[in-house]
Amino acid sequence: MAHSVRASRWVLPRLFRAVAIMGEVTVDLTRVQIGPGASEIEVLAIMGQVNIIVPHNLNVECDGDSVLGEFRVKRDTDGIPVPDAPVVRIRGSVYMGAVHVKIVDPNVPNWRDQWRAARATQRLAKEQQKQLKRDRLGR
């Protein structure tokens, strides 16, 4: 019943296990160091959720079983890895929970970040206009 995150710069071993029992685990591979060949991530989610964020320059193979849950892969980028790129195999089981594998380009901000940045720019422009009006009226 907790949240665990593995992110930033780290080394992915040949076998990595992520277990979420009534909790959430996030594994961010966007800045991971990985050797040539194949690495495997074993996941188990029991009434919990495992989120895995994979950069577009890794080959990903997913094979999972779910009972009253979902094991989903979503590609948010058009980038395709080179044929000799390292392979990450994601395998596991889900019972009344979810495993979400999201393939992203870490150099491209997602739509939510772009929207937030645009909103912040709009708010700043409105605040500057209000300040200009206050300065004019104060003279």
Protein backbone atom coordinates (compact mmCIF):
# COMPACT_ATOMS: atom_id res chain seq x y z
CA MET A 1 0.00 0.00 0.00
CA ALA A 2 2.86 2.32 -0.88
CA HIS A 3 4.40 4.02 -3.90
CA SER A 4 7.90 3.12 -5.04
CA VAL A 5 9.86 4.87 -7.82
CA ARG A 6 13.04 3.84 -9.59
CA ALA A 7 14.18 6.76 -11.75
CA SER A 8 17.10 9.06 -12.59
CA ARG A 9 20.45 7.52 -13.63
CA TRP A 10 20.83 3.87 -12.69
CA VAL A 11 22.05 0.59 -14.16
CA LEU A 12 19.44 -1.95 -15.27
CA PRO A 13 20.56 -5.45 -14.28
CA ARG A 14 19.92 -8.46 -16.51
CA LEU A 15 16.96 -9.39 -14.27
CA PHE A 16 14.91 -6.73 -12.46
CA ARG A 17 11.79 -7.49 -10.46
CA ALA A 18 8.95 -5.08 -9.73
CA VAL A 19 6.22 -6.17 -7.33
CA ALA A 20 3.16 -4.09 -6.43
CA ILE A 21 0.75 -5.51 -3.88
CA MET A 22 -2.03 -3.01 -3.23
CA GLY A 23 0.39 -0.23 -4.16
CA GLU A 24 2.18 1.35 -7.12
CA VAL A 25 5.64 0.91 -8.62
CA THR A 26 7.07 3.25 -11.26
CA VAL A 27 10.17 2.19 -13.19
CA ASP A 28 11.61 4.95 -15.38
CA LEU A 29 14.09 3.69 -17.96
CA THR A 30 14.55 6.98 -19.81
CA ARG A 31 17.97 7.64 -18.23
CA VAL A 32 18.98 4.06 -17.49
CA GLN A 33 22.34 2.57 -18.42
CA ILE A 34 21.92 -0.78 -20.10
CA GLY A 35 24.43 -3.10 -21.69
CA PRO A 36 24.12 -4.78 -25.06
CA GLY A 37 21.89 -7.82 -25.28
CA ALA A 38 18.68 -8.50 -23.41
CA SER A 39 17.50 -7.50 -19.96
CA GLU A 40 14.33 -8.78 -18.36
CA ILE A 41 11.85 -7.05 -16.08
CA GLU A 42 9.57 -9.40 -14.17
CA VAL A 43 6.42 -7.74 -12.88
CA LEU A 44 3.78 -8.88 -10.44
CA ALA A 45 0.80 -6.68 -9.63
CA ILE A 46 -1.78 -7.87 -7.13
CA MET A 47 -4.46 -5.22 -6.66
CA GLY A 48 -1.75 -2.71 -7.57
CA GLN A 49 -0.16 -0.98 -10.53
CA VAL A 50 3.25 -1.11 -12.20
CA ASN A 51 4.18 1.73 -14.58
CA ILE A 52 7.22 1.29 -16.81
CA ILE A 53 8.46 4.21 -18.92
CA VAL A 54 10.73 3.10 -21.75
CA PRO A 55 12.69 5.37 -24.13
CA HIS A 56 12.09 4.93 -27.84
CA ASN A 57 15.68 3.80 -28.51
CA LEU A 58 15.22 0.42 -26.76
CA ASN A 59 13.59 -2.65 -28.27
CA VAL A 60 10.69 -3.75 -26.06
CA GLU A 61 9.09 -7.18 -25.89
CA CYS A 62 6.05 -7.59 -23.63
CA ASP A 63 4.31 -10.74 -22.55
CA GLY A 64 1.93 -10.65 -19.64
CA ASP A 65 -1.10 -12.41 -18.21
CA SER A 66 -3.91 -10.63 -16.45
CA VAL A 67 -6.87 -11.73 -14.38
CA LEU A 68 -9.40 -8.94 -13.81
CA GLY A 69 -6.77 -6.41 -14.82
CA GLU A 70 -4.77 -5.11 -17.76
CA PHE A 71 -1.30 -5.47 -19.23
CA ARG A 72 -0.98 -2.61 -21.73
CA VAL A 73 1.73 -1.19 -23.99
CA LYS A 74 1.30 2.36 -25.30
CA ARG A 75 3.62 4.01 -27.81
CA ASP A 76 3.68 7.83 -27.47
CA THR A 77 6.37 8.43 -30.06
CA ASP A 78 7.08 7.72 -33.71
CA GLY A 79 10.75 6.96 -32.97
CA ILE A 80 11.91 3.46 -33.83
CA PRO A 81 15.03 1.88 -32.29
CA VAL A 82 17.91 0.67 -34.40
CA PRO A 83 17.96 -3.11 -35.00
CA ASP A 84 20.98 -3.72 -32.73
CA ALA A 85 19.55 -1.70 -29.82
CA PRO A 86 19.41 -3.38 -26.41
CA VAL A 87 16.29 -5.45 -25.71
CA VAL A 88 14.10 -5.11 -22.64
CA ARG A 89 11.71 -8.01 -22.07
CA ILE A 90 8.80 -7.23 -19.78
CA ARG A 91 6.97 -10.28 -18.49
CA GLY A 92 4.67 -10.91 -15.63
CA SER A 93 1.25 -11.35 -14.16
CA VAL A 94 -1.52 -9.03 -13.06
CA TYR A 95 -4.32 -9.92 -10.64
CA MET A 96 -6.97 -7.22 -10.20
CA GLY A 97 -4.41 -4.56 -11.10
CA ALA A 98 -2.53 -3.08 -14.04
CA VAL A 99 0.82 -2.99 -15.80
CA HIS A 100 1.27 0.02 -18.08
CA VAL A 101 4.30 0.15 -20.37
CA LYS A 102 4.69 3.55 -22.02
CA ILE A 103 7.24 4.07 -24.82
CA VAL A 104 8.28 7.73 -25.04
CA ASP A 105 10.86 10.02 -26.57
CA PRO A 106 12.45 11.66 -23.50
CA ASN A 107 13.56 14.65 -25.57
CA VAL A 108 9.99 15.57 -26.55
CA PRO A 109 7.75 16.91 -23.79
CA ASN A 110 4.38 15.23 -23.55
CA TRP A 111 1.16 17.07 -24.34
CA ARG A 112 0.40 17.69 -20.67
CA ASP A 113 3.73 19.45 -20.12
CA GLN A 114 3.23 21.48 -23.30
CA TRP A 115 -0.28 22.47 -22.18
CA ARG A 116 0.95 23.49 -18.72
CA ALA A 117 3.74 25.60 -20.23
CA ALA A 118 1.29 27.33 -22.59
CA ARG A 119 -1.11 28.04 -19.70
CA ALA A 120 1.72 29.47 -17.59
CA THR A 121 2.73 31.74 -20.47
CA GLN A 122 -0.87 32.94 -20.87
CA ARG A 123 -1.19 33.65 -17.13
CA LEU A 124 2.08 35.57 -17.13
CA ALA A 125 0.95 37.68 -20.11
CA LYS A 126 -2.38 38.50 -18.39
CA GLU A 127 -0.60 39.44 -15.18
CA GLN A 128 1.76 41.74 -17.11
CA GLN A 129 -1.21 43.42 -18.82
CA LYS A 130 -2.90 43.98 -15.44
CA GLN A 131 0.31 45.43 -14.03
CA LEU A 132 0.60 47.82 -17.00
CA LYS A 133 -3.00 49.01 -16.42
CA ARG A 134 -2.30 49.53 -12.71
CA ASP A 135 0.85 51.51 -13.52
CA ARG A 136 -1.05 53.72 -15.99
CA LEU A 137 -3.90 54.40 -13.56
CA GLY A 138 -1.47 55.11 -10.73
CA ARG A 139 0.14 58.02 -12.60
